[in-house]
Each structure stands twice: as C-alpha cells, then as structure tokens.
C-alpha cells in the first residue's frame, strides 16, 4: 500500500516537473507571439485612430491600398523627407491627445483658464 502511494506521488511529481519544463520551453515562442500580437493590435489601433476605418467605411481593400501608397512613397526619392514630416505630425497629434487627456488645451493653456 505504502509503495503504491509513494509511486503515485513520484509519478505526480514527475508530471508536475515535466509540465513546468514544458511551460519554460514554450515561454520564448509564447513571449514572441504575444509581442507580435500586441504590435499588431497597436498598429490596428492607429488605423482606427487615424480615422481610416470610418473614412473608408471599413473597406479593407481601400485601407490596404492606402497603406501600399504610403509604403511606395517611402521607397521613393522623397521617402526620408515624407517620413520625417509624418513623424513630426504624428508626434504632435500624440502630444495634443495627451494634453486633452490631462485636461489641458492643446494650444498650451489650461482648460480651466
């Protein structure tokens, strides 16, 4: 009787150890997959935030075509200039949005003043 209990406990401990090892082994790819999923969600959020979903009536082909146009422009001669311009514009939009969330007027004055 005692040997059966001991064998069952040893088997259970072995299974727990194998489960922990499996979780550790999968952790790298799971972390990478979660990071990629988060990146895709954030990028999709930017498409929505920019108003592209509403402006195109959620037409995926139109949104994809617009993004292909942007990519083509970035590959062109003026790509570096366009990227710098878009980066400044996006940074200003993020800052204005943050100011609105914090109760400030994007122009720099307080909303209560």
PDB file of N, CA and C in Angstrom:
ATOM      1  N   UNK A   1       0.824  -1.193   0.000  1.00  0.00           N
ATOM      2  CA  UNK A   1       0.000   0.000   0.000  1.00  0.00           C
ATOM      3  C   UNK A   1       0.871   1.259   0.000  1.00  0.00           C
ATOM      4  N   UNK A   2       1.856   1.290   0.895  1.00  0.00           N
ATOM      5  CA  UNK A   2       2.718   2.464   1.002  1.00  0.00           C
ATOM      6  C   UNK A   2       3.531   2.645  -0.269  1.00  0.00           C
ATOM      7  N   UNK A   3       3.925   1.527  -0.879  1.00  0.00           N
ATOM      8  CA  UNK A   3       4.718   1.665  -2.108  1.00  0.00           C
ATOM      9  C   UNK A   3       3.873   2.199  -3.260  1.00  0.00           C
ATOM     10  N   UNK A   4       2.599   1.848  -3.307  1.00  0.00           N
ATOM     11  CA  UNK A   4       1.712   2.389  -4.345  1.00  0.00           C
ATOM     12  C   UNK A   4       1.540   3.896  -4.173  1.00  0.00           C
ATOM     13  N   UNK A   5       1.347   4.322  -2.930  1.00  0.00           N
ATOM     14  CA  UNK A   5       1.197   5.756  -2.653  1.00  0.00           C
ATOM     15  C   UNK A   5       2.488   6.487  -3.022  1.00  0.00           C
ATOM     16  N   UNK A   6       3.612   5.908  -2.652  1.00  0.00           N
ATOM     17  CA  UNK A   6       4.905   6.519  -2.990  1.00  0.00           C
ATOM     18  C   UNK A   6       5.112   6.597  -4.488  1.00  0.00           C
ATOM     19  N   UNK A   7       4.740   5.544  -5.204  1.00  0.00           N
ATOM     20  CA  UNK A   7       4.866   5.532  -6.661  1.00  0.00           C
ATOM     21  C   UNK A   7       3.940   6.570  -7.287  1.00  0.00           C
ATOM     22  N   UNK A   8       2.719   6.669  -6.772  1.00  0.00           N
ATOM     23  CA  UNK A   8       1.764   7.654  -7.292  1.00  0.00           C
ATOM     24  C   UNK A   8       2.273   9.068  -7.050  1.00  0.00           C
ATOM     25  N   UNK A   9       2.824   9.316  -5.864  1.00  0.00           N
ATOM     26  CA  UNK A   9       3.372  10.648  -5.567  1.00  0.00           C
ATOM     27  C   UNK A   9       4.567  10.974  -6.459  1.00  0.00           C
ATOM     28  N   UNK A  10       5.414   9.985  -6.664  1.00  0.00           N
ATOM     29  CA  UNK A  10       6.587  10.201  -7.519  1.00  0.00           C
ATOM     30  C   UNK A  10       6.159  10.483  -8.957  1.00  0.00           C
ATOM     31  N   UNK A  11       5.157   9.741  -9.417  1.00  0.00           N
ATOM     32  CA  UNK A  11       4.642   9.956 -10.770  1.00  0.00           C
ATOM     33  C   UNK A  11       4.025  11.351 -10.898  1.00  0.00           C
ATOM     34  N   UNK A  12       3.248  11.747  -9.885  1.00  0.00           N
ATOM     35  CA  UNK A  12       2.632  13.080  -9.910  1.00  0.00           C
ATOM     36  C   UNK A  12       3.704  14.169  -9.902  1.00  0.00           C
ATOM     37  N   UNK A  13       4.737  13.976  -9.089  1.00  0.00           N
ATOM     38  CA  UNK A  13       5.830  14.951  -9.035  1.00  0.00           C
ATOM     39  C   UNK A  13       6.550  15.028 -10.379  1.00  0.00           C
ATOM     40  N   UNK A  14       6.745  13.874 -11.000  1.00  0.00           N
ATOM     41  CA  UNK A  14       7.392  13.828 -12.314  1.00  0.00           C
ATOM     42  C   UNK A  14       6.554  14.582 -13.343  1.00  0.00           C
ATOM     43  N   UNK A  15       5.229  14.389 -13.315  1.00  0.00           N
ATOM     44  CA  UNK A  15       4.340  15.074 -14.256  1.00  0.00           C
ATOM     45  C   UNK A  15       4.356  16.587 -14.021  1.00  0.00           C
ATOM     46  N   UNK A  16       4.376  17.004 -12.730  1.00  0.00           N
ATOM     47  CA  UNK A  16       4.450  18.434 -12.429  1.00  0.00           C
ATOM     48  C   UNK A  16       5.747  19.033 -12.962  1.00  0.00           C
ATOM     49  N   UNK A  17       6.854  18.317 -12.780  1.00  0.00           N
ATOM     50  CA  UNK A  17       8.150  18.784 -13.260  1.00  0.00           C
ATOM     51  C   UNK A  17       8.163  18.889 -14.791  1.00  0.00           C
ATOM     52  N   UNK A  18       7.594  17.897 -15.458  1.00  0.00           N
ATOM     53  CA  UNK A  18       7.515  17.933 -16.922  1.00  0.00           C
ATOM     54  C   UNK A  18       6.635  19.095 -17.405  1.00  0.00           C
ATOM     55  N   UNK A  19       5.545  19.369 -16.677  1.00  0.00           N
ATOM     56  CA  UNK A  19       4.663  20.484 -17.046  1.00  0.00           C
ATOM     57  C   UNK A  19       5.389  21.821 -16.894  1.00  0.00           C
ATOM     58  N   UNK A  20       6.133  21.967 -15.812  1.00  0.00           N
ATOM     59  CA  UNK A  20       6.903  23.203 -15.597  1.00  0.00           C
ATOM     60  C   UNK A  20       7.940  23.352 -16.709  1.00  0.00           C
ATOM     61  N   UNK A  21       8.622  22.268 -17.021  1.00  0.00           N
ATOM     62  CA  UNK A  21       9.636  22.302 -18.080  1.00  0.00           C
ATOM     63  C   UNK A  21       9.006  22.668 -19.424  1.00  0.00           C
ATOM     64  N   UNK A  22       7.831  22.108 -19.709  1.00  0.00           N
ATOM     65  CA  UNK A  22       7.141  22.421 -20.963  1.00  0.00           C
ATOM     66  C   UNK A  22       6.770  23.902 -21.022  1.00  0.00           C
ATOM     67  N   UNK A  23       6.317  24.459 -19.894  1.00  0.00           N
ATOM     68  CA  UNK A  23       5.966  25.890 -19.871  1.00  0.00           C
ATOM     69  C   UNK A  23       7.198  26.741 -20.106  1.00  0.00           C
ATOM     70  N   UNK A  24       8.314  26.358 -19.523  1.00  0.00           N
ATOM     71  CA  UNK A  24       9.555  27.114 -19.704  1.00  0.00           C
ATOM     72  C   UNK A  24      10.029  26.996 -21.148  1.00  0.00           C
ATOM     73  N   UNK A  25       9.952  25.797 -21.715  1.00  0.00           N
ATOM     74  CA  UNK A  25      10.391  25.584 -23.092  1.00  0.00           C
ATOM     75  C   UNK A  25       9.562  26.397 -24.076  1.00  0.00           C
ATOM     76  N   UNK A  26       8.263  26.530 -23.815  1.00  0.00           N
ATOM     77  CA  UNK A  26       7.391  27.256 -24.728  1.00  0.00           C
ATOM     78  C   UNK A  26       7.429  28.760 -24.471  1.00  0.00           C
ATOM     79  N   UNK A  27       7.957  29.175 -23.356  1.00  0.00           N
ATOM     80  CA  UNK A  27       7.874  30.567 -22.961  1.00  0.00           C
ATOM     81  C   UNK A  27       8.478  31.505 -24.005  1.00  0.00           C
ATOM     82  N   UNK A  28       9.615  31.168 -24.592  1.00  0.00           N
ATOM     83  CA  UNK A  28      10.251  32.042 -25.580  1.00  0.00           C
ATOM     84  C   UNK A  28       9.339  32.317 -26.770  1.00  0.00           C
ATOM     85  N   UNK A  29       8.804  31.266 -27.369  1.00  0.00           N
ATOM     86  CA  UNK A  29       7.949  31.494 -28.530  1.00  0.00           C
ATOM     87  C   UNK A  29       6.648  32.150 -28.127  1.00  0.00           C
ATOM     88  N   UNK A  30       6.159  31.853 -26.922  1.00  0.00           N
ATOM     89  CA  UNK A  30       4.926  32.490 -26.470  1.00  0.00           C
ATOM     90  C   UNK A  30       5.131  33.982 -26.254  1.00  0.00           C
ATOM     91  N   UNK A  31       6.270  34.339 -25.667  1.00  0.00           N
ATOM     92  CA  UNK A  31       6.571  35.756 -25.451  1.00  0.00           C
ATOM     93  C   UNK A  31       6.669  36.475 -26.795  1.00  0.00           C
ATOM     94  N   UNK A  32       7.353  35.871 -27.749  1.00  0.00           N
ATOM     95  CA  UNK A  32       7.482  36.478 -29.081  1.00  0.00           C
ATOM     96  C   UNK A  32       6.118  36.610 -29.752  1.00  0.00           C
ATOM     97  N   UNK A  33       5.290  35.570 -29.609  1.00  0.00           N
ATOM     98  CA  UNK A  33       3.957  35.619 -30.209  1.00  0.00           C
ATOM     99  C   UNK A  33       3.112  36.706 -29.554  1.00  0.00           C
ATOM    100  N   UNK A  34       3.202  36.827 -28.238  1.00  0.00           N
ATOM    101  CA  UNK A  34       2.441  37.872 -27.541  1.00  0.00           C
ATOM    102  C   UNK A  34       2.922  39.263 -27.937  1.00  0.00           C
ATOM    103  N   UNK A  35       4.246  39.428 -28.078  1.00  0.00           N
ATOM    104  CA  UNK A  35       4.783  40.725 -28.503  1.00  0.00           C
ATOM    105  C   UNK A  35       4.273  41.078 -29.897  1.00  0.00           C
ATOM    106  N   UNK A  36       4.281  40.109 -30.795  1.00  0.00           N
ATOM    107  CA  UNK A  36       3.791  40.356 -32.157  1.00  0.00           C
ATOM    108  C   UNK A  36       2.299  40.668 -32.143  1.00  0.00           C
ATOM    109  N   UNK A  37       1.538  39.927 -31.342  1.00  0.00           N
ATOM    110  CA  UNK A  37       0.097  40.184 -31.242  1.00  0.00           C
ATOM    111  C   UNK A  37      -0.149  41.588 -30.719  1.00  0.00           C
ATOM    112  N   UNK A  38       0.592  41.986 -29.700  1.00  0.00           N
ATOM    113  CA  UNK A  38       0.437  43.338 -29.153  1.00  0.00           C
ATOM    114  C   UNK A  38       0.772  44.394 -30.208  1.00  0.00           C
ATOM    115  N   UNK A  39       1.852  44.160 -30.955  1.00  0.00           N
ATOM    116  CA  UNK A  39       2.239  45.100 -32.011  1.00  0.00           C
ATOM    117  C   UNK A  39       1.135  45.221 -33.056  1.00  0.00           C
ATOM    118  N   UNK A  40       0.566  44.103 -33.478  1.00  0.00           N
ATOM    119  CA  UNK A  40      -0.495  44.132 -34.483  1.00  0.00           C
ATOM    120  C   UNK A  40      -1.738  44.853 -33.965  1.00  0.00           C
ATOM    121  N   UNK A  41      -2.071  44.622 -32.700  1.00  0.00           N
ATOM    122  CA  UNK A  41      -3.223  45.309 -32.111  1.00  0.00           C
ATOM    123  C   UNK A  41      -2.978  46.810 -32.064  1.00  0.00           C
ATOM    124  N   UNK A  42      -1.766  47.215 -31.648  1.00  0.00           N
ATOM    125  CA  UNK A  42      -1.445  48.637 -31.578  1.00  0.00           C
ATOM    126  C   UNK A  42      -1.479  49.283 -32.962  1.00  0.00           C
ATOM    127  N   UNK A  43      -0.956  48.590 -33.966  1.00  0.00           N
ATOM    128  CA  UNK A  43      -0.972  49.134 -35.325  1.00  0.00           C
ATOM    129  C   UNK A  43      -2.398  49.247 -35.848  1.00  0.00           C
ATOM    130  N   UNK A  44      -3.227  48.257 -35.557  1.00  0.00           N
ATOM    131  CA  UNK A  44      -4.635  48.334 -35.936  1.00  0.00           C
ATOM    132  C   UNK A  44      -5.319  49.499 -35.243  1.00  0.00           C
ATOM    133  N   UNK A  45      -4.952  49.736 -33.991  1.00  0.00           N
ATOM    134  CA  UNK A  45      -5.494  50.870 -33.255  1.00  0.00           C
ATOM    135  C   UNK A  45      -5.136  52.196 -33.903  1.00  0.00           C
ATOM    136  N   UNK A  46      -3.932  52.274 -34.453  1.00  0.00           N
ATOM    137  CA  UNK A  46      -3.523  53.506 -35.148  1.00  0.00           C
ATOM    138  C   UNK A  46      -4.349  53.728 -36.414  1.00  0.00           C
ATOM    139  N   UNK A  47      -4.675  52.651 -37.100  1.00  0.00           N
ATOM    140  CA  UNK A  47      -5.519  52.762 -38.296  1.00  0.00           C
ATOM    141  C   UNK A  47      -6.883  53.314 -37.905  1.00  0.00           C
ATOM    142  N   UNK A  48      -7.425  52.820 -36.796  1.00  0.00           N
ATOM    143  CA  UNK A  48      -8.714  53.312 -36.312  1.00  0.00           C
ATOM    144  C   UNK A  48      -8.583  54.755 -35.842  1.00  0.00           C
ATOM    145  N   UNK A  49      -7.535  55.046 -35.060  1.00  0.00           N
ATOM    146  CA  UNK A  49      -7.326  56.374 -34.503  1.00  0.00           C
ATOM    147  C   UNK A  49      -7.185  57.427 -35.603  1.00  0.00           C
ATOM    148  N   UNK A  50      -6.559  57.060 -36.706  1.00  0.00           N
ATOM    149  CA  UNK A  50      -6.375  57.989 -37.820  1.00  0.00           C
ATOM    150  C   UNK A  50      -7.687  58.232 -38.571  1.00  0.00           C
ATOM    151  N   UNK A  51      -8.692  57.436 -38.278  1.00  0.00           N
ATOM    152  CA  UNK A  51      -9.991  57.622 -38.917  1.00  0.00           C
ATOM    153  C   UNK A  51     -10.150  56.864 -40.223  1.00  0.00           C
ATOM    154  N   UNK A  52      -9.177  56.023 -40.562  1.00  0.00           N
ATOM    155  CA  UNK A  52      -9.229  55.315 -41.843  1.00  0.00           C
ATOM    156  C   UNK A  52     -10.391  54.331 -41.926  1.00  0.00           C
ATOM    157  N   UNK A  53     -10.743  53.732 -40.810  1.00  0.00           N
ATOM    158  CA  UNK A  53     -11.840  52.763 -40.819  1.00  0.00           C
ATOM    159  C   UNK A  53     -13.152  53.464 -41.156  1.00  0.00           C
ATOM    160  N   UNK A  54     -13.411  54.586 -40.494  1.00  0.00           N
ATOM    161  CA  UNK A  54     -14.643  55.335 -40.760  1.00  0.00           C
ATOM    162  C   UNK A  54     -14.629  55.965 -42.148  1.00  0.00           C
ATOM    163  N   UNK A  55     -13.499  56.534 -42.526  1.00  0.00           N
ATOM    164  CA  UNK A  55     -13.418  57.227 -43.819  1.00  0.00           C
ATOM    165  C   UNK A  55     -13.575  56.289 -45.008  1.00  0.00           C
ATOM    166  N   UNK A  56     -13.201  55.028 -44.827  1.00  0.00           N
ATOM    167  CA  UNK A  56     -13.307  54.049 -45.917  1.00  0.00           C
ATOM    168  C   UNK A  56     -14.504  53.121 -45.745  1.00  0.00           C
ATOM    169  N   UNK A  57     -15.314  53.402 -44.731  1.00  0.00           N
ATOM    170  CA  UNK A  57     -16.457  52.546 -44.407  1.00  0.00           C
ATOM    171  C   UNK A  57     -15.990  51.105 -44.182  1.00  0.00           C
ATOM    172  N   UNK A  58     -14.866  50.976 -43.481  1.00  0.00           N
ATOM    173  CA  UNK A  58     -14.279  49.682 -43.125  1.00  0.00           C
ATOM    174  C   UNK A  58     -13.981  48.821 -44.349  1.00  0.00           C
ATOM    175  N   UNK A  59     -13.571  49.464 -45.428  1.00  0.00           N
ATOM    176  CA  UNK A  59     -13.212  48.753 -46.661  1.00  0.00           C
ATOM    177  C   UNK A  59     -11.734  48.357 -46.563  1.00  0.00           C
ATOM    178  N   UNK A  60     -11.490  47.083 -46.298  1.00  0.00           N
ATOM    179  CA  UNK A  60     -10.121  46.597 -46.080  1.00  0.00           C
ATOM    180  C   UNK A  60      -9.247  46.790 -47.314  1.00  0.00           C
ATOM    181  N   UNK A  61      -9.820  46.618 -48.499  1.00  0.00           N
ATOM    182  CA  UNK A  61      -9.039  46.799 -49.731  1.00  0.00           C
ATOM    183  C   UNK A  61      -8.588  48.257 -49.860  1.00  0.00           C
ATOM    184  N   UNK A  62      -9.468  49.199 -49.519  1.00  0.00           N
ATOM    185  CA  UNK A  62      -9.115  50.616 -49.603  1.00  0.00           C
ATOM    186  C   UNK A  62      -8.032  50.967 -48.585  1.00  0.00           C
ATOM    187  N   UNK A  63      -8.171  50.444 -47.377  1.00  0.00           N
ATOM    188  CA  UNK A  63      -7.160  50.710 -46.341  1.00  0.00           C
ATOM    189  C   UNK A  63      -5.823  50.119 -46.756  1.00  0.00           C
ATOM    190  N   UNK A  64      -5.841  48.897 -47.261  1.00  0.00           N
ATOM    191  CA  UNK A  64      -4.610  48.256 -47.711  1.00  0.00           C
ATOM    192  C   UNK A  64      -3.994  49.041 -48.866  1.00  0.00           C
ATOM    193  N   UNK A  65      -4.821  49.487 -49.798  1.00  0.00           N
ATOM    194  CA  UNK A  65      -4.319  50.291 -50.912  1.00  0.00           C
ATOM    195  C   UNK A  65      -3.684  51.582 -50.436  1.00  0.00           C
ATOM    196  N   UNK A  66      -4.305  52.224 -49.451  1.00  0.00           N
ATOM    197  CA  UNK A  66      -3.735  53.454 -48.895  1.00  0.00           C
ATOM    198  C   UNK A  66      -2.384  53.174 -48.248  1.00  0.00           C
ATOM    199  N   UNK A  67      -2.293  52.086 -47.513  1.00  0.00           N
ATOM    200  CA  UNK A  67      -1.029  51.736 -46.869  1.00  0.00           C
ATOM    201  C   UNK A  67       0.040  51.380 -47.902  1.00  0.00           C
ATOM    202  N   UNK A  68      -0.359  50.727 -48.988  1.00  0.00           N
ATOM    203  CA  UNK A  68       0.597  50.435 -50.058  1.00  0.00           C
ATOM    204  C   UNK A  68       1.106  51.721 -50.704  1.00  0.00           C
ATOM    205  N   UNK A  69       0.219  52.718 -50.822  1.00  0.00           N
ATOM    206  CA  UNK A  69       0.620  54.016 -51.368  1.00  0.00           C
ATOM    207  C   UNK A  69       1.642  54.688 -50.457  1.00  0.00           C
ATOM    208  N   UNK A  70       1.397  54.614 -49.157  1.00  0.00           N
ATOM    209  CA  UNK A  70       2.345  55.177 -48.192  1.00  0.00           C
ATOM    210  C   UNK A  70       3.688  54.465 -48.308  1.00  0.00           C
ATOM    211  N   UNK A  71       3.678  53.137 -48.376  1.00  0.00           N
ATOM    212  CA  UNK A  71       4.919  52.369 -48.488  1.00  0.00           C
ATOM    213  C   UNK A  71       5.664  52.720 -49.770  1.00  0.00           C
ATOM    214  N   UNK A  72       4.933  52.890 -50.853  1.00  0.00           N
ATOM    215  CA  UNK A  72       5.547  53.260 -52.123  1.00  0.00           C
ATOM    216  C   UNK A  72       6.215  54.623 -52.021  1.00  0.00           C
ATOM    217  N   UNK A  73       5.542  55.558 -51.378  1.00  0.00           N
ATOM    218  CA  UNK A  73       6.107  56.900 -51.202  1.00  0.00           C
ATOM    219  C   UNK A  73       7.390  56.826 -50.376  1.00  0.00           C
ATOM    220  N   UNK A  74       7.401  55.997 -49.345  1.00  0.00           N
ATOM    221  CA  UNK A  74       8.591  55.859 -48.505  1.00  0.00           C
ATOM    222  C   UNK A  74       9.769  55.247 -49.266  1.00  0.00           C
ATOM    223  N   UNK A  75       9.473  54.425 -50.258  1.00  0.00           N
ATOM    224  CA  UNK A  75      10.540  53.820 -51.073  1.00  0.00           C
ATOM    225  C   UNK A  75      11.074  54.782 -52.124  1.00  0.00           C
ATOM    226  N   UNK A  76      10.347  55.857 -52.382  1.00  0.00           N
ATOM    227  CA  UNK A  76      10.736  56.799 -53.421  1.00  0.00           C
ATOM    228  C   UNK A  76      11.838  57.747 -52.978  1.00  0.00           C
ATOM    229  N   UNK A  77      12.151  58.679 -53.884  1.00  0.00           N
ATOM    230  CA  UNK A  77      13.232  59.631 -53.643  1.00  0.00           C
ATOM    231  C   UNK A  77      12.958  60.534 -52.444  1.00  0.00           C
ATOM    232  N   UNK A  78      11.715  60.873 -52.230  1.00  0.00           N
ATOM    233  CA  UNK A  78      11.348  61.777 -51.141  1.00  0.00           C
ATOM    234  C   UNK A  78      10.940  61.023 -49.876  1.00  0.00           C
ATOM    235  N   UNK A  79      11.274  59.727 -49.799  1.00  0.00           N
ATOM    236  CA  UNK A  79      10.849  58.900 -48.676  1.00  0.00           C
ATOM    237  C   UNK A  79      11.329  59.404 -47.324  1.00  0.00           C
ATOM    238  N   UNK A  80      12.588  59.783 -47.242  1.00  0.00           N
ATOM    239  CA  UNK A  80      13.130  60.247 -45.960  1.00  0.00           C
ATOM    240  C   UNK A  80      12.440  61.537 -45.517  1.00  0.00           C
ATOM    241  N   UNK A  81      12.181  62.426 -46.474  1.00  0.00           N
ATOM    242  CA  UNK A  81      11.505  63.685 -46.153  1.00  0.00           C
ATOM    243  C   UNK A  81      10.064  63.421 -45.699  1.00  0.00           C
ATOM    244  N   UNK A  82       9.372  62.549 -46.413  1.00  0.00           N
ATOM    245  CA  UNK A  82       7.984  62.214 -46.052  1.00  0.00           C
ATOM    246  C   UNK A  82       7.934  61.575 -44.667  1.00  0.00           C
ATOM    247  N   UNK A  83       8.873  60.681 -44.391  1.00  0.00           N
ATOM    248  CA  UNK A  83       8.901  60.014 -43.088  1.00  0.00           C
ATOM    249  C   UNK A  83       9.108  61.029 -41.968  1.00  0.00           C
ATOM    250  N   UNK A  84      10.040  61.956 -42.160  1.00  0.00           N
ATOM    251  CA  UNK A  84      10.286  62.982 -41.139  1.00  0.00           C
ATOM    252  C   UNK A  84       9.038  63.844 -40.933  1.00  0.00           C
ATOM    253  N   UNK A  85       8.379  64.210 -42.008  1.00  0.00           N
ATOM    254  CA  UNK A  85       7.167  65.023 -41.925  1.00  0.00           C
ATOM    255  C   UNK A  85       6.061  64.278 -41.183  1.00  0.00           C
ATOM    256  N   UNK A  86       5.825  63.028 -41.551  1.00  0.00           N
ATOM    257  CA  UNK A  86       4.771  62.230 -40.919  1.00  0.00           C
ATOM    258  C   UNK A  86       5.085  61.965 -39.451  1.00  0.00           C
ATOM    259  N   UNK A  87       6.371  61.766 -39.148  1.00  0.00           N
ATOM    260  CA  UNK A  87       6.770  61.523 -37.773  1.00  0.00           C
ATOM    261  C   UNK A  87       6.469  62.749 -36.906  1.00  0.00           C
ATOM    262  N   UNK A  88       6.802  63.936 -37.400  1.00  0.00           N
ATOM    263  CA  UNK A  88       6.513  65.176 -36.659  1.00  0.00           C
ATOM    264  C   UNK A  88       5.010  65.348 -36.456  1.00  0.00           C
ATOM    265  N   UNK A  89       4.261  65.114 -37.516  1.00  0.00           N
ATOM    266  CA  UNK A  89       2.811  65.269 -37.442  1.00  0.00           C
ATOM    267  C   UNK A  89       2.205  64.276 -36.438  1.00  0.00           C
ATOM    268  N   UNK A  90       2.653  63.044 -36.474  1.00  0.00           N
ATOM    269  CA  UNK A  90       2.162  62.031 -35.538  1.00  0.00           C
ATOM    270  C   UNK A  90       2.544  62.355 -34.108  1.00  0.00           C
ATOM    271  N   UNK A  91       3.771  62.808 -33.912  1.00  0.00           N
ATOM    272  CA  UNK A  91       4.220  63.168 -32.562  1.00  0.00           C
ATOM    273  C   UNK A  91       3.375  64.309 -32.012  1.00  0.00           C
ATOM    274  N   UNK A  92       3.103  65.303 -32.824  1.00  0.00           N
ATOM    275  CA  UNK A  92       2.261  66.424 -32.384  1.00  0.00           C
ATOM    276  C   UNK A  92       0.844  65.941 -32.038  1.00  0.00           C
ATOM    277  N   UNK A  93       0.306  65.036 -32.842  1.00  0.00           N
ATOM    278  CA  UNK A  93      -1.034  64.513 -32.582  1.00  0.00           C
ATOM    279  C   UNK A  93      -1.066  63.737 -31.268  1.00  0.00           C
ATOM    280  N   UNK A  94      -0.047  62.908 -31.015  1.00  0.00           N
ATOM    281  CA  UNK A  94       0.021  62.178 -29.754  1.00  0.00           C
ATOM    282  C   UNK A  94       0.113  63.145 -28.572  1.00  0.00           C
ATOM    283  N   UNK A  95       0.944  64.183 -28.714  1.00  0.00           N
ATOM    284  CA  UNK A  95       1.101  65.169 -27.638  1.00  0.00           C
ATOM    285  C   UNK A  95      -0.200  65.926 -27.389  1.00  0.00           C
ATOM    286  N   UNK A  96      -0.899  66.314 -28.459  1.00  0.00           N
ATOM    287  CA  UNK A  96      -2.170  67.027 -28.309  1.00  0.00           C
ATOM    288  C   UNK A  96      -3.200  66.134 -27.627  1.00  0.00           C
ATOM    289  N   UNK A  97      -3.221  64.879 -27.993  1.00  0.00           N
ATOM    290  CA  UNK A  97      -4.151  63.936 -27.375  1.00  0.00           C
ATOM    291  C   UNK A  97      -3.840  63.759 -25.892  1.00  0.00           C
ATOM    292  N   UNK A  98      -2.555  63.679 -25.556  1.00  0.00           N
ATOM    293  CA  UNK A  98      -2.156  63.538 -24.157  1.00  0.00           C
ATOM    294  C   UNK A  98      -2.554  64.775 -23.365  1.00  0.00           C
ATOM    295  N   UNK A  99      -2.398  65.947 -23.957  1.00  0.00           N
ATOM    296  CA  UNK A  99      -2.785  67.186 -23.280  1.00  0.00           C
ATOM    297  C   UNK A  99      -4.292  67.230 -23.046  1.00  0.00           C
ATOM    298  N   UNK A 100      -5.064  66.769 -24.020  1.00  0.00           N
ATOM    299  CA  UNK A 100      -6.513  66.729 -23.841  1.00  0.00           C
ATOM    300  C   UNK A 100      -6.900  65.769 -22.714  1.00  0.00           C
ATOM    301  N   UNK A 101      -6.222  64.632 -22.652  1.00  0.00           N
ATOM    302  CA  UNK A 101      -6.498  63.666 -21.582  1.00  0.00           C
ATOM    303  C   UNK A 101      -6.155  64.242 -20.214  1.00  0.00           C
ATOM    304  N   UNK A 102      -5.140  65.092 -20.170  1.00  0.00           N
ATOM    305  CA  UNK A 102      -4.702  65.675 -18.904  1.00  0.00           C
ATOM    306  C   UNK A 102      -5.446  66.964 -18.581  1.00  0.00           C
ATOM    307  N   UNK A 103      -6.448  67.303 -19.357  1.00  0.00           N
ATOM    308  CA  UNK A 103      -7.263  68.469 -19.080  1.00  0.00           C
ATOM    309  C   UNK A 103      -6.668  69.787 -19.539  1.00  0.00           C
ATOM    310  N   UNK A 104      -5.738  69.723 -20.474  1.00  0.00           N
ATOM    311  CA  UNK A 104      -5.121  70.933 -20.987  1.00  0.00           C
ATOM    312  C   UNK A 104      -5.589  71.190 -22.422  1.00  0.00           C
ATOM    313  N   UNK A 105      -5.582  72.450 -22.794  1.00  0.00           N
ATOM    314  CA  UNK A 105      -5.869  72.834 -24.166  1.00  0.00           C
ATOM    315  C   UNK A 105      -4.635  72.521 -24.994  1.00  0.00           C
ATOM    316  N   UNK A 106      -4.766  71.869 -26.179  1.00  0.00           N
ATOM    317  CA  UNK A 106      -3.597  71.538 -26.987  1.00  0.00           C
ATOM    318  C   UNK A 106      -2.760  72.762 -27.344  1.00  0.00           C
ATOM    319  N   UNK A 107      -3.315  73.954 -27.248  1.00  0.00           N
ATOM    320  CA  UNK A 107      -2.556  75.170 -27.534  1.00  0.00           C
ATOM    321  C   UNK A 107      -1.600  75.533 -26.418  1.00  0.00           C
ATOM    322  N   UNK A 108      -1.691  74.850 -25.281  1.00  0.00           N
ATOM    323  CA  UNK A 108      -0.770  75.100 -24.196  1.00  0.00           C
ATOM    324  C   UNK A 108      -1.400  75.758 -22.991  1.00  0.00           C
ATOM    325  N   UNK A 109      -2.651  76.231 -23.098  1.00  0.00           N
ATOM    326  CA  UNK A 109      -3.293  76.845 -21.961  1.00  0.00           C
ATOM    327  C   UNK A 109      -4.143  75.823 -21.229  1.00  0.00           C
ATOM    328  N   UNK A 110      -4.406  76.071 -19.986  1.00  0.00           N
ATOM    329  CA  UNK A 110      -5.221  75.162 -19.193  1.00  0.00           C
ATOM    330  C   UNK A 110      -6.680  75.224 -19.636  1.00  0.00           C
ATOM    331  N   UNK A 111      -7.379  74.116 -19.560  1.00  0.00           N
ATOM    332  CA  UNK A 111      -8.780  74.078 -19.986  1.00  0.00           C
ATOM    333  C   UNK A 111      -9.644  74.940 -19.071  1.00  0.00           C
ATOM    334  N   UNK A 112      -9.209  75.118 -17.830  1.00  0.00           N
ATOM    335  CA  UNK A 112      -9.994  75.907 -16.884  1.00  0.00           C
ATOM    336  C   UNK A 112      -9.672  77.381 -16.919  1.00  0.00           C
ATOM    337  N   UNK A 113      -8.612  77.772 -17.636  1.00  0.00           N
ATOM    338  CA  UNK A 113      -8.200  79.171 -17.638  1.00  0.00           C
ATOM    339  C   UNK A 113      -8.912  79.987 -18.662  1.00  0.00           C
TER     340      UNK A 113
END
